[in-house]
PDB file of N, CA and C in Angstrom:
ATOM      1  N   UNK A   1    -244.235 -99.854-138.917  1.00  0.00           N
ATOM      2  CA  UNK A   1    -242.924 -99.368-138.584  1.00  0.00           C
ATOM      3  C   UNK A   1    -242.053-100.547-138.180  1.00  0.00           C
ATOM      4  N   UNK A   2    -240.924-100.687-138.785  1.00  0.00           N
ATOM      5  CA  UNK A   2    -240.029-101.788-138.470  1.00  0.00           C
ATOM      6  C   UNK A   2    -238.762-101.252-137.823  1.00  0.00           C
ATOM      7  N   UNK A   3    -238.160-102.093-137.011  1.00  0.00           N
ATOM      8  CA  UNK A   3    -236.909-101.728-136.374  1.00  0.00           C
ATOM      9  C   UNK A   3    -235.807-102.612-136.927  1.00  0.00           C
ATOM     10  N   UNK A   4    -234.619-102.111-136.908  1.00  0.00           N
ATOM     11  CA  UNK A   4    -233.482-102.876-137.400  1.00  0.00           C
ATOM     12  C   UNK A   4    -233.195-104.016-136.426  1.00  0.00           C
ATOM     13  N   UNK A   5    -232.977-105.170-136.955  1.00  0.00           N
ATOM     14  CA  UNK A   5    -232.702-106.340-136.127  1.00  0.00           C
ATOM     15  C   UNK A   5    -231.214-106.631-136.156  1.00  0.00           C
ATOM     16  N   UNK A   6    -230.614-106.666-134.989  1.00  0.00           N
ATOM     17  CA  UNK A   6    -229.199-106.985-134.864  1.00  0.00           C
ATOM     18  C   UNK A   6    -229.093-108.410-134.339  1.00  0.00           C
ATOM     19  N   UNK A   7    -228.385-109.283-135.055  1.00  0.00           N
ATOM     20  CA  UNK A   7    -228.273-110.665-134.574  1.00  0.00           C
ATOM     21  C   UNK A   7    -227.466-110.728-133.276  1.00  0.00           C
ATOM     22  N   UNK A   8    -227.908-111.584-132.379  1.00  0.00           N
ATOM     23  CA  UNK A   8    -227.215-111.771-131.117  1.00  0.00           C
ATOM     24  C   UNK A   8    -225.982-112.638-131.321  1.00  0.00           C
ATOM     25  N   UNK A   9    -224.960-112.458-130.492  1.00  0.00           N
ATOM     26  CA  UNK A   9    -223.804-113.369-130.559  1.00  0.00           C
ATOM     27  C   UNK A   9    -224.220-114.793-130.220  1.00  0.00           C
ATOM     28  N   UNK A  10    -223.463-115.738-130.716  1.00  0.00           N
ATOM     29  CA  UNK A  10    -223.800-117.147-130.510  1.00  0.00           C
ATOM     30  C   UNK A  10    -223.821-117.556-129.058  1.00  0.00           C
ATOM     31  N   UNK A  11    -222.932-117.007-128.236  1.00  0.00           N
ATOM     32  CA  UNK A  11    -222.886-117.406-126.830  1.00  0.00           C
ATOM     33  C   UNK A  11    -224.131-116.945-126.081  1.00  0.00           C
ATOM     34  N   UNK A  12    -224.789-115.902-126.581  1.00  0.00           N
ATOM     35  CA  UNK A  12    -226.035-115.472-125.956  1.00  0.00           C
ATOM     36  C   UNK A  12    -227.190-116.343-126.457  1.00  0.00           C
ATOM     37  N   UNK A  13    -227.226-116.581-127.758  1.00  0.00           N
ATOM     38  CA  UNK A  13    -228.320-117.368-128.332  1.00  0.00           C
ATOM     39  C   UNK A  13    -228.315-118.813-127.857  1.00  0.00           C
ATOM     40  N   UNK A  14    -227.132-119.406-127.726  1.00  0.00           N
ATOM     41  CA  UNK A  14    -227.051-120.825-127.400  1.00  0.00           C
ATOM     42  C   UNK A  14    -226.662-121.109-125.958  1.00  0.00           C
ATOM     43  N   UNK A  15    -226.334-120.096-125.181  1.00  0.00           N
ATOM     44  CA  UNK A  15    -225.940-120.309-123.805  1.00  0.00           C
ATOM     45  C   UNK A  15    -226.789-119.572-122.792  1.00  0.00           C
ATOM     46  N   UNK A  16    -226.867-118.255-122.934  1.00  0.00           N
ATOM     47  CA  UNK A  16    -227.519-117.438-121.920  1.00  0.00           C
ATOM     48  C   UNK A  16    -229.044-117.567-121.982  1.00  0.00           C
ATOM     49  N   UNK A  17    -229.617-117.495-123.158  1.00  0.00           N
ATOM     50  CA  UNK A  17    -231.079-117.545-123.278  1.00  0.00           C
ATOM     51  C   UNK A  17    -231.645-118.896-122.820  1.00  0.00           C
ATOM     52  N   UNK A  18    -231.064-120.043-123.212  1.00  0.00           N
ATOM     53  CA  UNK A  18    -231.583-121.307-122.658  1.00  0.00           C
ATOM     54  C   UNK A  18    -231.407-121.412-121.139  1.00  0.00           C
ATOM     55  N   UNK A  19    -230.330-120.853-120.613  1.00  0.00           N
ATOM     56  CA  UNK A  19    -230.127-120.871-119.173  1.00  0.00           C
ATOM     57  C   UNK A  19    -231.177-120.029-118.453  1.00  0.00           C
ATOM     58  N   UNK A  20    -231.488-118.863-119.004  1.00  0.00           N
ATOM     59  CA  UNK A  20    -232.540-118.022-118.425  1.00  0.00           C
ATOM     60  C   UNK A  20    -233.889-118.739-118.493  1.00  0.00           C
ATOM     61  N   UNK A  21    -234.178-119.396-119.612  1.00  0.00           N
ATOM     62  CA  UNK A  21    -235.431-120.154-119.732  1.00  0.00           C
ATOM     63  C   UNK A  21    -235.512-121.280-118.696  1.00  0.00           C
ATOM     64  N   UNK A  22    -234.395-121.960-118.463  1.00  0.00           N
ATOM     65  CA  UNK A  22    -234.370-123.040-117.485  1.00  0.00           C
ATOM     66  C   UNK A  22    -234.597-122.511-116.073  1.00  0.00           C
ATOM     67  N   UNK A  23    -233.962-121.397-115.739  1.00  0.00           N
ATOM     68  CA  UNK A  23    -234.144-120.804-114.410  1.00  0.00           C
ATOM     69  C   UNK A  23    -235.590-120.357-114.209  1.00  0.00           C
ATOM     70  N   UNK A  24    -236.181-119.739-115.211  1.00  0.00           N
ATOM     71  CA  UNK A  24    -237.580-119.301-115.106  1.00  0.00           C
ATOM     72  C   UNK A  24    -238.514-120.506-114.959  1.00  0.00           C
ATOM     73  N   UNK A  25    -238.260-121.577-115.726  1.00  0.00           N
ATOM     74  CA  UNK A  25    -239.099-122.782-115.626  1.00  0.00           C
ATOM     75  C   UNK A  25    -238.989-123.411-114.244  1.00  0.00           C
ATOM     76  N   UNK A  26    -237.766-123.498-113.700  1.00  0.00           N
ATOM     77  CA  UNK A  26    -237.603-124.043-112.353  1.00  0.00           C
ATOM     78  C   UNK A  26    -238.256-123.151-111.304  1.00  0.00           C
ATOM     79  N   UNK A  27    -238.198-121.838-111.505  1.00  0.00           N
ATOM     80  CA  UNK A  27    -238.828-120.918-110.556  1.00  0.00           C
ATOM     81  C   UNK A  27    -240.339-121.124-110.511  1.00  0.00           C
ATOM     82  N   UNK A  28    -240.982-121.136-111.673  1.00  0.00           N
ATOM     83  CA  UNK A  28    -242.434-121.270-111.695  1.00  0.00           C
ATOM     84  C   UNK A  28    -242.896-122.663-111.260  1.00  0.00           C
ATOM     85  N   UNK A  29    -242.168-123.699-111.632  1.00  0.00           N
ATOM     86  CA  UNK A  29    -242.556-125.032-111.171  1.00  0.00           C
ATOM     87  C   UNK A  29    -242.322-125.170-109.672  1.00  0.00           C
ATOM     88  N   UNK A  30    -241.254-124.562-109.153  1.00  0.00           N
ATOM     89  CA  UNK A  30    -241.035-124.555-107.708  1.00  0.00           C
ATOM     90  C   UNK A  30    -242.109-123.777-106.981  1.00  0.00           C
ATOM     91  N   UNK A  31    -242.581-122.712-107.602  1.00  0.00           N
ATOM     92  CA  UNK A  31    -243.666-121.927-107.015  1.00  0.00           C
ATOM     93  C   UNK A  31    -244.946-122.758-106.916  1.00  0.00           C
ATOM     94  N   UNK A  32    -245.239-123.516-107.959  1.00  0.00           N
ATOM     95  CA  UNK A  32    -246.424-124.378-107.939  1.00  0.00           C
ATOM     96  C   UNK A  32    -246.281-125.455-106.862  1.00  0.00           C
ATOM     97  N   UNK A  33    -245.101-126.057-106.753  1.00  0.00           N
ATOM     98  CA  UNK A  33    -244.877-127.078-105.730  1.00  0.00           C
ATOM     99  C   UNK A  33    -245.014-126.465-104.337  1.00  0.00           C
ATOM    100  N   UNK A  34    -244.496-125.265-104.149  1.00  0.00           N
ATOM    101  CA  UNK A  34    -244.606-124.579-102.861  1.00  0.00           C
ATOM    102  C   UNK A  34    -246.057-124.236-102.534  1.00  0.00           C
ATOM    103  N   UNK A  35    -246.837-123.850-103.549  1.00  0.00           N
ATOM    104  CA  UNK A  35    -248.237-123.495-103.327  1.00  0.00           C
ATOM    105  C   UNK A  35    -249.092-124.693-102.903  1.00  0.00           C
ATOM    106  N   UNK A  36    -248.703-125.890-103.313  1.00  0.00           N
ATOM    107  CA  UNK A  36    -249.464-127.065-102.876  1.00  0.00           C
ATOM    108  C   UNK A  36    -248.970-127.590-101.532  1.00  0.00           C
ATOM    109  N   UNK A  37    -247.975-126.916-100.956  1.00  0.00           N
ATOM    110  CA  UNK A  37    -247.552-127.247 -99.604  1.00  0.00           C
ATOM    111  C   UNK A  37    -246.365-128.169 -99.477  1.00  0.00           C
ATOM    112  N   UNK A  38    -245.596-128.326-100.511  1.00  0.00           N
ATOM    113  CA  UNK A  38    -244.423-129.196-100.457  1.00  0.00           C
ATOM    114  C   UNK A  38    -243.149-128.367-100.609  1.00  0.00           C
ATOM    115  N   UNK A  39    -242.024-128.983-100.301  1.00  0.00           N
ATOM    116  CA  UNK A  39    -240.730-128.314-100.405  1.00  0.00           C
ATOM    117  C   UNK A  39    -240.217-128.409-101.842  1.00  0.00           C
ATOM    118  N   UNK A  40    -240.032-127.280-102.535  1.00  0.00           N
ATOM    119  CA  UNK A  40    -239.579-127.344-103.931  1.00  0.00           C
ATOM    120  C   UNK A  40    -238.174-127.910-104.098  1.00  0.00           C
ATOM    121  N   UNK A  41    -237.294-127.707-103.113  1.00  0.00           N
ATOM    122  CA  UNK A  41    -235.931-128.235-103.226  1.00  0.00           C
ATOM    123  C   UNK A  41    -235.911-129.744-103.057  1.00  0.00           C
ATOM    124  N   UNK A  42    -236.786-130.252-102.211  1.00  0.00           N
ATOM    125  CA  UNK A  42    -236.894-131.699-102.077  1.00  0.00           C
ATOM    126  C   UNK A  42    -237.496-132.316-103.338  1.00  0.00           C
ATOM    127  N   UNK A  43    -238.459-131.629-103.951  1.00  0.00           N
ATOM    128  CA  UNK A  43    -239.036-132.105-105.207  1.00  0.00           C
ATOM    129  C   UNK A  43    -237.976-132.130-106.304  1.00  0.00           C
ATOM    130  N   UNK A  44    -237.120-131.109-106.333  1.00  0.00           N
ATOM    131  CA  UNK A  44    -236.033-131.078-107.314  1.00  0.00           C
ATOM    132  C   UNK A  44    -235.051-132.216-107.072  1.00  0.00           C
ATOM    133  N   UNK A  45    -234.776-132.503-105.800  1.00  0.00           N
ATOM    134  CA  UNK A  45    -233.885-133.621-105.469  1.00  0.00           C
ATOM    135  C   UNK A  45    -234.462-134.940-105.967  1.00  0.00           C
ATOM    136  N   UNK A  46    -235.772-135.138-105.753  1.00  0.00           N
ATOM    137  CA  UNK A  46    -236.417-136.363-106.245  1.00  0.00           C
ATOM    138  C   UNK A  46    -236.432-136.423-107.765  1.00  0.00           C
ATOM    139  N   UNK A  47    -236.619-135.276-108.410  1.00  0.00           N
ATOM    140  CA  UNK A  47    -236.629-135.226-109.868  1.00  0.00           C
ATOM    141  C   UNK A  47    -235.281-135.643-110.440  1.00  0.00           C
ATOM    142  N   UNK A  48    -234.212-135.081-109.898  1.00  0.00           N
ATOM    143  CA  UNK A  48    -232.869-135.399-110.407  1.00  0.00           C
ATOM    144  C   UNK A  48    -232.487-136.828-110.057  1.00  0.00           C
ATOM    145  N   UNK A  49    -232.816-137.266-108.836  1.00  0.00           N
ATOM    146  CA  UNK A  49    -232.491-138.629-108.435  1.00  0.00           C
ATOM    147  C   UNK A  49    -233.274-139.652-109.260  1.00  0.00           C
ATOM    148  N   UNK A  50    -234.519-139.345-109.563  1.00  0.00           N
ATOM    149  CA  UNK A  50    -235.322-140.273-110.350  1.00  0.00           C
ATOM    150  C   UNK A  50    -234.909-140.352-111.804  1.00  0.00           C
ATOM    151  N   UNK A  51    -234.329-139.278-112.333  1.00  0.00           N
ATOM    152  CA  UNK A  51    -233.939-139.278-113.739  1.00  0.00           C
ATOM    153  C   UNK A  51    -232.482-139.678-113.945  1.00  0.00           C
ATOM    154  N   UNK A  52    -231.610-139.339-112.992  1.00  0.00           N
ATOM    155  CA  UNK A  52    -230.181-139.555-113.199  1.00  0.00           C
ATOM    156  C   UNK A  52    -229.485-140.216-112.022  1.00  0.00           C
ATOM    157  N   UNK A  53    -230.220-140.630-111.004  1.00  0.00           N
ATOM    158  CA  UNK A  53    -229.612-141.087-109.759  1.00  0.00           C
ATOM    159  C   UNK A  53    -228.935-142.435-109.825  1.00  0.00           C
ATOM    160  N   UNK A  54    -229.428-143.350-110.602  1.00  0.00           N
ATOM    161  CA  UNK A  54    -228.880-144.699-110.673  1.00  0.00           C
ATOM    162  C   UNK A  54    -228.686-145.072-112.135  1.00  0.00           C
ATOM    163  N   UNK A  55    -228.055-146.198-112.361  1.00  0.00           N
ATOM    164  CA  UNK A  55    -227.840-146.643-113.735  1.00  0.00           C
ATOM    165  C   UNK A  55    -229.124-146.965-114.460  1.00  0.00           C
ATOM    166  N   UNK A  56    -230.053-147.645-113.773  1.00  0.00           N
ATOM    167  CA  UNK A  56    -231.306-147.972-114.438  1.00  0.00           C
ATOM    168  C   UNK A  56    -232.172-146.732-114.633  1.00  0.00           C
ATOM    169  N   UNK A  57    -232.022-145.716-113.775  1.00  0.00           N
ATOM    170  CA  UNK A  57    -232.775-144.467-113.957  1.00  0.00           C
ATOM    171  C   UNK A  57    -232.314-143.743-115.214  1.00  0.00           C
ATOM    172  N   UNK A  58    -231.021-143.736-115.446  1.00  0.00           N
ATOM    173  CA  UNK A  58    -230.499-143.110-116.668  1.00  0.00           C
ATOM    174  C   UNK A  58    -230.987-143.881-117.893  1.00  0.00           C
ATOM    175  N   UNK A  59    -231.007-145.197-117.795  1.00  0.00           N
ATOM    176  CA  UNK A  59    -231.492-146.017-118.903  1.00  0.00           C
ATOM    177  C   UNK A  59    -232.955-145.750-119.221  1.00  0.00           C
ATOM    178  N   UNK A  60    -233.788-145.661-118.184  1.00  0.00           N
ATOM    179  CA  UNK A  60    -235.209-145.369-118.417  1.00  0.00           C
ATOM    180  C   UNK A  60    -235.400-143.962-118.959  1.00  0.00           C
ATOM    181  N   UNK A  61    -234.599-143.008-118.487  1.00  0.00           N
ATOM    182  CA  UNK A  61    -234.694-141.638-119.011  1.00  0.00           C
ATOM    183  C   UNK A  61    -234.371-141.618-120.496  1.00  0.00           C
ATOM    184  N   UNK A  62    -233.308-142.289-120.892  1.00  0.00           N
ATOM    185  CA  UNK A  62    -232.954-142.352-122.315  1.00  0.00           C
ATOM    186  C   UNK A  62    -233.990-143.131-123.120  1.00  0.00           C
ATOM    187  N   UNK A  63    -234.530-144.182-122.541  1.00  0.00           N
ATOM    188  CA  UNK A  63    -235.544-144.991-123.231  1.00  0.00           C
ATOM    189  C   UNK A  63    -236.785-144.156-123.550  1.00  0.00           C
ATOM    190  N   UNK A  64    -237.259-143.392-122.574  1.00  0.00           N
ATOM    191  CA  UNK A  64    -238.486-142.632-122.774  1.00  0.00           C
ATOM    192  C   UNK A  64    -238.279-141.347-123.567  1.00  0.00           C
ATOM    193  N   UNK A  65    -237.058-140.836-123.627  1.00  0.00           N
ATOM    194  CA  UNK A  65    -236.829-139.604-124.385  1.00  0.00           C
ATOM    195  C   UNK A  65    -236.392-139.852-125.823  1.00  0.00           C
ATOM    196  N   UNK A  66    -236.085-141.093-126.171  1.00  0.00           N
ATOM    197  CA  UNK A  66    -235.599-141.377-127.523  1.00  0.00           C
ATOM    198  C   UNK A  66    -236.606-140.971-128.594  1.00  0.00           C
ATOM    199  N   UNK A  67    -237.872-141.263-128.393  1.00  0.00           N
ATOM    200  CA  UNK A  67    -238.867-140.916-129.409  1.00  0.00           C
ATOM    201  C   UNK A  67    -238.988-139.398-129.560  1.00  0.00           C
ATOM    202  N   UNK A  68    -238.877-138.661-128.449  1.00  0.00           N
ATOM    203  CA  UNK A  68    -238.939-137.205-128.547  1.00  0.00           C
ATOM    204  C   UNK A  68    -237.694-136.634-129.215  1.00  0.00           C
ATOM    205  N   UNK A  69    -236.548-137.244-128.974  1.00  0.00           N
ATOM    206  CA  UNK A  69    -235.312-136.792-129.624  1.00  0.00           C
ATOM    207  C   UNK A  69    -235.411-136.984-131.135  1.00  0.00           C
ATOM    208  N   UNK A  70    -235.863-138.156-131.564  1.00  0.00           N
ATOM    209  CA  UNK A  70    -235.975-138.400-133.002  1.00  0.00           C
ATOM    210  C   UNK A  70    -237.066-137.553-133.646  1.00  0.00           C
ATOM    211  N   UNK A  71    -238.138-137.266-132.907  1.00  0.00           N
ATOM    212  CA  UNK A  71    -239.167-136.362-133.433  1.00  0.00           C
ATOM    213  C   UNK A  71    -238.598-134.971-133.640  1.00  0.00           C
ATOM    214  N   UNK A  72    -237.822-134.496-132.676  1.00  0.00           N
ATOM    215  CA  UNK A  72    -237.179-133.192-132.826  1.00  0.00           C
ATOM    216  C   UNK A  72    -236.188-133.163-133.978  1.00  0.00           C
ATOM    217  N   UNK A  73    -235.441-134.239-134.154  1.00  0.00           N
ATOM    218  CA  UNK A  73    -234.510-134.303-135.281  1.00  0.00           C
ATOM    219  C   UNK A  73    -235.239-134.306-136.613  1.00  0.00           C
ATOM    220  N   UNK A  74    -236.372-134.991-136.693  1.00  0.00           N
ATOM    221  CA  UNK A  74    -237.107-135.016-137.957  1.00  0.00           C
ATOM    222  C   UNK A  74    -237.655-133.635-138.294  1.00  0.00           C
ATOM    223  N   UNK A  75    -238.117-132.909-137.283  1.00  0.00           N
ATOM    224  CA  UNK A  75    -238.605-131.545-137.519  1.00  0.00           C
ATOM    225  C   UNK A  75    -237.448-130.640-137.936  1.00  0.00           C
ATOM    226  N   UNK A  76    -236.279-130.828-137.321  1.00  0.00           N
ATOM    227  CA  UNK A  76    -235.127-129.996-137.659  1.00  0.00           C
ATOM    228  C   UNK A  76    -234.682-130.225-139.098  1.00  0.00           C
ATOM    229  N   UNK A  77    -234.691-131.474-139.540  1.00  0.00           N
ATOM    230  CA  UNK A  77    -234.302-131.766-140.923  1.00  0.00           C
ATOM    231  C   UNK A  77    -235.285-131.130-141.903  1.00  0.00           C
ATOM    232  N   UNK A  78    -236.573-131.263-141.638  1.00  0.00           N
ATOM    233  CA  UNK A  78    -237.578-130.669-142.519  1.00  0.00           C
ATOM    234  C   UNK A  78    -237.483-129.144-142.497  1.00  0.00           C
ATOM    235  N   UNK A  79    -237.224-128.565-141.346  1.00  0.00           N
ATOM    236  CA  UNK A  79    -237.128-127.109-141.243  1.00  0.00           C
ATOM    237  C   UNK A  79    -235.921-126.575-142.008  1.00  0.00           C
ATOM    238  N   UNK A  80    -234.799-127.278-141.930  1.00  0.00           N
ATOM    239  CA  UNK A  80    -233.614-126.850-142.675  1.00  0.00           C
ATOM    240  C   UNK A  80    -233.792-127.027-144.179  1.00  0.00           C
ATOM    241  N   UNK A  81    -234.693-127.900-144.582  1.00  0.00           N
ATOM    242  CA  UNK A  81    -234.988-128.081-146.004  1.00  0.00           C
ATOM    243  C   UNK A  81    -235.989-127.050-146.512  1.00  0.00           C
ATOM    244  N   UNK A  82    -236.459-126.183-145.606  1.00  0.00           N
ATOM    245  CA  UNK A  82    -237.389-125.137-146.009  1.00  0.00           C
ATOM    246  C   UNK A  82    -238.845-125.501-145.841  1.00  0.00           C
ATOM    247  N   UNK A  83    -239.116-126.619-145.192  1.00  0.00           N
ATOM    248  CA  UNK A  83    -240.490-127.049-144.964  1.00  0.00           C
ATOM    249  C   UNK A  83    -240.899-126.715-143.537  1.00  0.00           C
ATOM    250  N   UNK A  84    -242.152-126.387-143.354  1.00  0.00           N
ATOM    251  CA  UNK A  84    -242.662-126.131-142.010  1.00  0.00           C
ATOM    252  C   UNK A  84    -243.668-127.210-141.675  1.00  0.00           C
ATOM    253  N   UNK A  85    -243.405-127.939-140.631  1.00  0.00           N
ATOM    254  CA  UNK A  85    -244.244-129.066-140.249  1.00  0.00           C
ATOM    255  C   UNK A  85    -244.756-128.823-138.842  1.00  0.00           C
ATOM    256  N   UNK A  86    -246.044-128.626-138.711  1.00  0.00           N
ATOM    257  CA  UNK A  86    -246.609-128.331-137.399  1.00  0.00           C
ATOM    258  C   UNK A  86    -247.116-129.581-136.702  1.00  0.00           C
ATOM    259  N   UNK A  87    -247.174-130.711-137.370  1.00  0.00           N
ATOM    260  CA  UNK A  87    -247.789-131.896-136.788  1.00  0.00           C
ATOM    261  C   UNK A  87    -246.821-132.976-136.384  1.00  0.00           C
ATOM    262  N   UNK A  88    -245.639-132.644-135.896  1.00  0.00           N
ATOM    263  CA  UNK A  88    -244.643-133.661-135.574  1.00  0.00           C
ATOM    264  C   UNK A  88    -245.082-134.537-134.410  1.00  0.00           C
ATOM    265  N   UNK A  89    -245.708-133.958-133.400  1.00  0.00           N
ATOM    266  CA  UNK A  89    -246.140-134.756-132.258  1.00  0.00           C
ATOM    267  C   UNK A  89    -247.242-135.728-132.676  1.00  0.00           C
ATOM    268  N   UNK A  90    -248.176-135.264-133.480  1.00  0.00           N
ATOM    269  CA  UNK A  90    -249.225-136.148-133.978  1.00  0.00           C
ATOM    270  C   UNK A  90    -248.668-137.243-134.859  1.00  0.00           C
ATOM    271  N   UNK A  91    -247.667-136.896-135.674  1.00  0.00           N
ATOM    272  CA  UNK A  91    -247.043-137.916-136.509  1.00  0.00           C
ATOM    273  C   UNK A  91    -246.337-138.962-135.658  1.00  0.00           C
ATOM    274  N   UNK A  92    -245.725-138.532-134.548  1.00  0.00           N
ATOM    275  CA  UNK A  92    -245.077-139.495-133.653  1.00  0.00           C
ATOM    276  C   UNK A  92    -246.107-140.431-133.042  1.00  0.00           C
ATOM    277  N   UNK A  93    -247.272-139.885-132.654  1.00  0.00           N
ATOM    278  CA  UNK A  93    -248.322-140.731-132.094  1.00  0.00           C
ATOM    279  C   UNK A  93    -248.851-141.716-133.129  1.00  0.00           C
ATOM    280  N   UNK A  94    -249.083-141.255-134.353  1.00  0.00           N
ATOM    281  CA  UNK A  94    -249.583-142.137-135.404  1.00  0.00           C
ATOM    282  C   UNK A  94    -248.533-143.189-135.757  1.00  0.00           C
ATOM    283  N   UNK A  95    -247.267-142.794-135.778  1.00  0.00           N
ATOM    284  CA  UNK A  95    -246.197-143.763-136.035  1.00  0.00           C
ATOM    285  C   UNK A  95    -246.120-144.819-134.947  1.00  0.00           C
ATOM    286  N   UNK A  96    -246.273-144.395-133.690  1.00  0.00           N
ATOM    287  CA  UNK A  96    -246.291-145.355-132.581  1.00  0.00           C
ATOM    288  C   UNK A  96    -247.479-146.285-132.653  1.00  0.00           C
ATOM    289  N   UNK A  97    -248.639-145.744-133.020  1.00  0.00           N
ATOM    290  CA  UNK A  97    -249.835-146.570-133.184  1.00  0.00           C
ATOM    291  C   UNK A  97    -249.636-147.568-134.317  1.00  0.00           C
ATOM    292  N   UNK A  98    -249.040-147.105-135.419  1.00  0.00           N
ATOM    293  CA  UNK A  98    -248.776-148.011-136.541  1.00  0.00           C
ATOM    294  C   UNK A  98    -247.804-149.109-136.162  1.00  0.00           C
ATOM    295  N   UNK A  99    -246.755-148.762-135.418  1.00  0.00           N
ATOM    296  CA  UNK A  99    -245.794-149.779-134.972  1.00  0.00           C
ATOM    297  C   UNK A  99    -246.457-150.782-134.040  1.00  0.00           C
ATOM    298  N   UNK A 100    -247.337-150.304-133.159  1.00  0.00           N
ATOM    299  CA  UNK A 100    -248.046-151.216-132.251  1.00  0.00           C
ATOM    300  C   UNK A 100    -248.968-152.145-133.025  1.00  0.00           C
ATOM    301  N   UNK A 101    -249.665-151.617-134.034  1.00  0.00           N
ATOM    302  CA  UNK A 101    -250.559-152.463-134.834  1.00  0.00           C
ATOM    303  C   UNK A 101    -249.782-153.505-135.630  1.00  0.00           C
ATOM    304  N   UNK A 102    -248.621-153.122-136.158  1.00  0.00           N
ATOM    305  CA  UNK A 102    -247.786-154.090-136.877  1.00  0.00           C
ATOM    306  C   UNK A 102    -247.293-155.171-135.915  1.00  0.00           C
ATOM    307  N   UNK A 103    -246.888-154.752-134.707  1.00  0.00           N
ATOM    308  CA  UNK A 103    -246.418-155.727-133.721  1.00  0.00           C
ATOM    309  C   UNK A 103    -247.541-156.684-133.328  1.00  0.00           C
ATOM    310  N   UNK A 104    -248.768-156.163-133.188  1.00  0.00           N
ATOM    311  CA  UNK A 104    -249.895-157.039-132.858  1.00  0.00           C
ATOM    312  C   UNK A 104    -250.252-157.964-134.020  1.00  0.00           C
ATOM    313  N   UNK A 105    -250.142-157.455-135.251  1.00  0.00           N
ATOM    314  CA  UNK A 105    -250.461-158.289-136.416  1.00  0.00           C
ATOM    315  C   UNK A 105    -249.428-159.405-136.623  1.00  0.00           C
ATOM    316  N   UNK A 106    -248.172-159.141-136.276  1.00  0.00           N
ATOM    317  CA  UNK A 106    -247.120-160.127-136.449  1.00  0.00           C
ATOM    318  C   UNK A 106    -246.868-160.957-135.194  1.00  0.00           C
ATOM    319  N   UNK A 107    -247.767-160.879-134.239  1.00  0.00           N
ATOM    320  CA  UNK A 107    -247.568-161.533-132.941  1.00  0.00           C
ATOM    321  C   UNK A 107    -247.387-163.020-133.061  1.00  0.00           C
ATOM    322  N   UNK A 108    -248.162-163.662-133.905  1.00  0.00           N
ATOM    323  CA  UNK A 108    -248.058-165.128-133.983  1.00  0.00           C
ATOM    324  C   UNK A 108    -246.879-165.586-134.840  1.00  0.00           C
ATOM    325  N   UNK A 109    -246.274-164.689-135.607  1.00  0.00           N
ATOM    326  CA  UNK A 109    -245.156-165.055-136.478  1.00  0.00           C
ATOM    327  C   UNK A 109    -243.791-164.728-135.904  1.00  0.00           C
ATOM    328  N   UNK A 110    -243.742-163.746-134.997  1.00  0.00           N
ATOM    329  CA  UNK A 110    -242.460-163.307-134.411  1.00  0.00           C
ATOM    330  C   UNK A 110    -242.424-163.755-132.960  1.00  0.00           C
ATOM    331  N   UNK A 111    -241.356-164.435-132.557  1.00  0.00           N
ATOM    332  CA  UNK A 111    -241.320-164.891-131.172  1.00  0.00           C
ATOM    333  C   UNK A 111    -241.207-163.718-130.193  1.00  0.00           C
ATOM    334  N   UNK A 112    -241.847-163.855-129.061  1.00  0.00           N
ATOM    335  CA  UNK A 112    -241.797-162.814-128.031  1.00  0.00           C
ATOM    336  C   UNK A 112    -240.588-162.972-127.150  1.00  0.00           C
ATOM    337  N   UNK A 113    -240.458-162.015-126.245  1.00  0.00           N
ATOM    338  CA  UNK A 113    -239.305-162.088-125.326  1.00  0.00           C
ATOM    339  C   UNK A 113    -239.725-162.650-124.010  1.00  0.00           C
TER     340      UNK A 113
END
């Protein structure tokens, strides 16, 4: 038995649902922090300060998220082309390993910093 599917408006799909997901994630992570005996609001303060509090914190946040952003973009391009790729995270790891091996192989030819 199937039911008729009515598409949601864009403001719900792209605004309300991600906001609800974020609130639920913060609730459950705060619950875990509270269960181990710490203050969840103080943990949130440290989280935001560590990721966005200073100029170098923003730089490190962008540095460490760049590979995940490009992995997500590569999956999005393949998905829009009609391909389904379930191994994007593994491909990112193998690509990183390959880049590290190339860097180690070219160590004596390329000057370091």
